[in-house]
Amino acid sequence: MLRNIFGREKEVTGEWRRLNNEELHAPFPSQNIIRMMKQRRMNWVGHVARLEDRRVVHRVLVGDPREGARPLGRPSLWW
């Protein structure tokens, strides 16, 4: 992910080079980027779980996907 964000580095000679892993992770010594993304996702899920029952996002999170499902088989002809 970081390689996609930061891309390549232009050197003094004018040539482009690919950054190595140490150079990519140097600005973020405290946390792993994957762990941070998972933590933010879990924070969002906790927020949605505390929403009111009538909110659409809450219903999508805790609802049954089969609820209100269409019947199986070929649709009937209506014209």
N, C-alpha and C. Protein backbone atom coordinates (compact mmCIF):
# COMPACT_ATOMS: atom_id res chain seq x y z
N MET A 1 0.82 -1.18 0.00
CA MET A 1 0.00 0.00 0.00
C MET A 1 0.87 1.25 0.00
N LEU A 2 1.88 1.27 0.86
CA LEU A 2 2.75 2.44 0.91
C LEU A 2 3.50 2.65 -0.39
N ARG A 3 3.87 1.56 -1.05
CA ARG A 3 4.58 1.68 -2.32
C ARG A 3 3.69 2.34 -3.37
N ASN A 4 2.39 2.05 -3.33
CA ASN A 4 1.47 2.69 -4.27
C ASN A 4 1.30 4.17 -3.95
N ILE A 5 1.30 4.51 -2.68
CA ILE A 5 1.11 5.90 -2.28
C ILE A 5 2.33 6.74 -2.62
N PHE A 6 3.50 6.28 -2.22
CA PHE A 6 4.71 7.09 -2.38
C PHE A 6 5.40 6.90 -3.72
N GLY A 7 5.19 5.77 -4.37
CA GLY A 7 5.74 5.55 -5.69
C GLY A 7 7.26 5.48 -5.71
N ARG A 8 7.86 6.21 -6.62
CA ARG A 8 9.31 6.18 -6.80
C ARG A 8 9.92 7.50 -6.38
N GLU A 9 11.23 7.50 -6.24
CA GLU A 9 11.96 8.69 -5.81
C GLU A 9 12.94 9.10 -6.90
N LYS A 10 12.98 10.38 -7.17
CA LYS A 10 13.93 10.88 -8.16
C LYS A 10 15.22 11.26 -7.46
N GLU A 11 16.30 10.69 -7.92
CA GLU A 11 17.60 10.96 -7.31
C GLU A 11 18.19 12.25 -7.87
N VAL A 12 19.31 12.64 -7.29
CA VAL A 12 20.00 13.85 -7.72
C VAL A 12 20.45 13.73 -9.17
N THR A 13 20.79 12.52 -9.59
CA THR A 13 21.27 12.31 -10.96
C THR A 13 20.14 12.41 -11.98
N GLY A 14 18.90 12.46 -11.52
CA GLY A 14 17.76 12.56 -12.43
C GLY A 14 17.13 11.23 -12.76
N GLU A 15 17.68 10.15 -12.21
CA GLU A 15 17.12 8.82 -12.46
C GLU A 15 16.10 8.48 -11.37
N TRP A 16 15.10 7.67 -11.76
CA TRP A 16 14.09 7.24 -10.81
C TRP A 16 14.51 5.90 -10.23
N ARG A 17 14.27 5.73 -8.95
CA ARG A 17 14.57 4.45 -8.32
C ARG A 17 13.42 4.07 -7.39
N ARG A 18 13.30 2.79 -7.18
CA ARG A 18 12.25 2.26 -6.32
C ARG A 18 12.71 2.32 -4.87
N LEU A 19 11.85 2.79 -3.96
CA LEU A 19 12.21 2.88 -2.55
C LEU A 19 12.24 1.49 -1.91
N ASN A 20 13.20 1.26 -1.03
CA ASN A 20 13.24 -0.03 -0.35
C ASN A 20 12.30 0.01 0.87
N ASN A 21 12.12 -1.14 1.50
CA ASN A 21 11.15 -1.25 2.60
C ASN A 21 11.49 -0.36 3.78
N GLU A 22 12.78 -0.25 4.12
CA GLU A 22 13.17 0.59 5.25
C GLU A 22 12.80 2.04 5.00
N GLU A 23 13.00 2.51 3.77
CA GLU A 23 12.66 3.90 3.45
C GLU A 23 11.15 4.13 3.45
N LEU A 24 10.39 3.11 3.08
CA LEU A 24 8.93 3.25 3.07
C LEU A 24 8.36 3.28 4.48
N HIS A 25 8.91 2.46 5.39
CA HIS A 25 8.36 2.35 6.73
C HIS A 25 8.96 3.34 7.71
N ALA A 26 9.98 4.08 7.31
CA ALA A 26 10.62 5.04 8.22
C ALA A 26 9.66 6.11 8.74
N PRO A 27 8.75 6.69 7.93
CA PRO A 27 7.85 7.71 8.47
C PRO A 27 6.80 7.14 9.43
N PHE A 28 6.61 5.83 9.48
CA PHE A 28 5.58 5.21 10.29
C PHE A 28 6.19 4.18 11.23
N PRO A 29 7.05 4.59 12.15
CA PRO A 29 7.70 3.60 13.01
C PRO A 29 6.79 3.02 14.09
N SER A 30 5.70 3.71 14.42
CA SER A 30 4.91 3.29 15.57
C SER A 30 3.92 2.18 15.24
N GLN A 31 3.37 2.14 14.05
CA GLN A 31 2.32 1.18 13.76
C GLN A 31 2.48 0.56 12.38
N ASN A 32 1.97 -0.62 12.27
CA ASN A 32 1.88 -1.28 10.98
C ASN A 32 0.66 -0.71 10.26
N ILE A 33 0.76 -0.41 8.99
CA ILE A 33 -0.34 0.22 8.26
C ILE A 33 -1.55 -0.71 8.18
N ILE A 34 -1.35 -2.01 8.06
CA ILE A 34 -2.45 -2.96 8.00
C ILE A 34 -3.20 -2.99 9.33
N ARG A 35 -2.45 -2.99 10.42
CA ARG A 35 -3.07 -2.98 11.75
C ARG A 35 -3.89 -1.71 11.95
N MET A 36 -3.38 -0.58 11.47
CA MET A 36 -4.09 0.68 11.61
C MET A 36 -5.39 0.66 10.81
N MET A 37 -5.35 0.10 9.59
CA MET A 37 -6.56 0.02 8.77
C MET A 37 -7.61 -0.88 9.42
N LYS A 38 -7.18 -2.01 9.98
CA LYS A 38 -8.11 -2.92 10.64
C LYS A 38 -8.71 -2.26 11.88
N GLN A 39 -7.91 -1.50 12.63
CA GLN A 39 -8.40 -0.83 13.82
C GLN A 39 -9.46 0.21 13.46
N ARG A 40 -9.23 0.98 12.40
CA ARG A 40 -10.21 1.98 11.99
C ARG A 40 -11.49 1.32 11.51
N ARG A 41 -11.39 0.19 10.83
CA ARG A 41 -12.57 -0.53 10.38
C ARG A 41 -13.39 -1.03 11.57
N MET A 42 -12.69 -1.55 12.59
CA MET A 42 -13.39 -2.02 13.79
C MET A 42 -14.04 -0.86 14.54
N ASN A 43 -13.39 0.30 14.58
CA ASN A 43 -14.00 1.48 15.20
C ASN A 43 -15.28 1.86 14.48
N TRP A 44 -15.27 1.79 13.16
CA TRP A 44 -16.45 2.14 12.37
C TRP A 44 -17.58 1.14 12.63
N VAL A 45 -17.27 -0.15 12.71
CA VAL A 45 -18.28 -1.17 12.97
C VAL A 45 -18.90 -0.94 14.35
N GLY A 46 -18.09 -0.59 15.33
CA GLY A 46 -18.63 -0.29 16.66
C GLY A 46 -19.55 0.91 16.63
N HIS A 47 -19.21 1.91 15.84
CA HIS A 47 -20.06 3.09 15.70
C HIS A 47 -21.40 2.71 15.07
N VAL A 48 -21.36 1.92 14.03
CA VAL A 48 -22.59 1.51 13.34
C VAL A 48 -23.46 0.63 14.25
N ALA A 49 -22.83 -0.21 15.05
CA ALA A 49 -23.59 -1.08 15.95
C ALA A 49 -24.35 -0.29 17.00
N ARG A 50 -23.85 0.89 17.36
CA ARG A 50 -24.53 1.71 18.36
C ARG A 50 -25.60 2.62 17.77
N LEU A 51 -25.74 2.65 16.46
CA LEU A 51 -26.76 3.50 15.84
C LEU A 51 -28.16 2.99 16.14
N GLU A 52 -29.15 3.83 15.87
CA GLU A 52 -30.54 3.44 16.08
C GLU A 52 -30.92 2.31 15.13
N ASP A 53 -31.93 1.53 15.55
CA ASP A 53 -32.35 0.38 14.76
C ASP A 53 -32.95 0.76 13.42
N ARG A 54 -33.49 1.96 13.31
CA ARG A 54 -34.16 2.34 12.06
C ARG A 54 -33.18 2.87 11.00
N ARG A 55 -31.91 3.09 11.35
CA ARG A 55 -30.92 3.58 10.39
C ARG A 55 -30.56 2.49 9.40
N VAL A 56 -30.41 2.85 8.15
CA VAL A 56 -30.18 1.88 7.08
C VAL A 56 -28.86 1.14 7.28
N VAL A 57 -27.81 1.85 7.67
CA VAL A 57 -26.50 1.22 7.84
C VAL A 57 -26.56 0.18 8.95
N HIS A 58 -27.27 0.49 10.02
CA HIS A 58 -27.40 -0.46 11.13
C HIS A 58 -28.18 -1.69 10.67
N ARG A 59 -29.23 -1.48 9.89
CA ARG A 59 -30.02 -2.61 9.41
C ARG A 59 -29.20 -3.50 8.49
N VAL A 60 -28.33 -2.92 7.69
CA VAL A 60 -27.46 -3.71 6.81
C VAL A 60 -26.48 -4.52 7.63
N LEU A 61 -25.93 -3.94 8.71
CA LEU A 61 -24.95 -4.63 9.53
C LEU A 61 -25.55 -5.80 10.29
N VAL A 62 -26.69 -5.61 10.93
CA VAL A 62 -27.25 -6.64 11.80
C VAL A 62 -28.39 -7.42 11.16
N GLY A 63 -28.81 -7.04 9.97
CA GLY A 63 -29.95 -7.69 9.34
C GLY A 63 -29.62 -9.02 8.69
N ASP A 64 -30.66 -9.74 8.35
CA ASP A 64 -30.53 -11.02 7.66
C ASP A 64 -30.62 -10.76 6.16
N PRO A 65 -29.62 -11.13 5.37
CA PRO A 65 -29.67 -10.84 3.94
C PRO A 65 -30.79 -11.59 3.22
N ARG A 66 -31.28 -12.68 3.81
CA ARG A 66 -32.35 -13.44 3.17
C ARG A 66 -33.72 -12.83 3.44
N GLU A 67 -33.78 -11.89 4.34
CA GLU A 67 -35.04 -11.24 4.68
C GLU A 67 -35.55 -10.45 3.48
N GLY A 68 -36.75 -10.74 3.05
CA GLY A 68 -37.33 -10.04 1.91
C GLY A 68 -36.75 -10.48 0.58
N ALA A 69 -36.22 -11.69 0.52
CA ALA A 69 -35.61 -12.16 -0.71
C ALA A 69 -36.67 -12.50 -1.76
N ARG A 70 -36.31 -12.40 -2.99
CA ARG A 70 -37.22 -12.74 -4.07
C ARG A 70 -37.38 -14.26 -4.15
N PRO A 71 -38.49 -14.73 -4.69
CA PRO A 71 -38.68 -16.17 -4.80
C PRO A 71 -37.72 -16.79 -5.82
N LEU A 72 -37.43 -18.06 -5.63
CA LEU A 72 -36.53 -18.77 -6.52
C LEU A 72 -37.24 -19.12 -7.82
N GLY A 73 -36.47 -19.36 -8.84
CA GLY A 73 -37.03 -19.80 -10.12
C GLY A 73 -37.14 -18.69 -11.13
N ARG A 74 -37.69 -19.07 -12.26
CA ARG A 74 -37.85 -18.12 -13.36
C ARG A 74 -38.98 -17.16 -13.04
N PRO A 75 -38.81 -15.86 -13.37
CA PRO A 75 -39.89 -14.92 -13.13
C PRO A 75 -41.10 -15.23 -14.00
N SER A 76 -42.28 -14.98 -13.46
CA SER A 76 -43.50 -15.23 -14.24
C SER A 76 -43.66 -14.17 -15.31
N LEU A 77 -44.31 -14.56 -16.40
CA LEU A 77 -44.56 -13.63 -17.49
C LEU A 77 -45.69 -12.69 -17.09
N TRP A 78 -45.53 -11.42 -17.32
CA TRP A 78 -46.53 -10.47 -16.87
C TRP A 78 -47.13 -9.65 -18.01
N TRP A 79 -46.70 -9.87 -19.23
CA TRP A 79 -47.30 -9.09 -20.31
C TRP A 79 -48.24 -9.91 -21.12
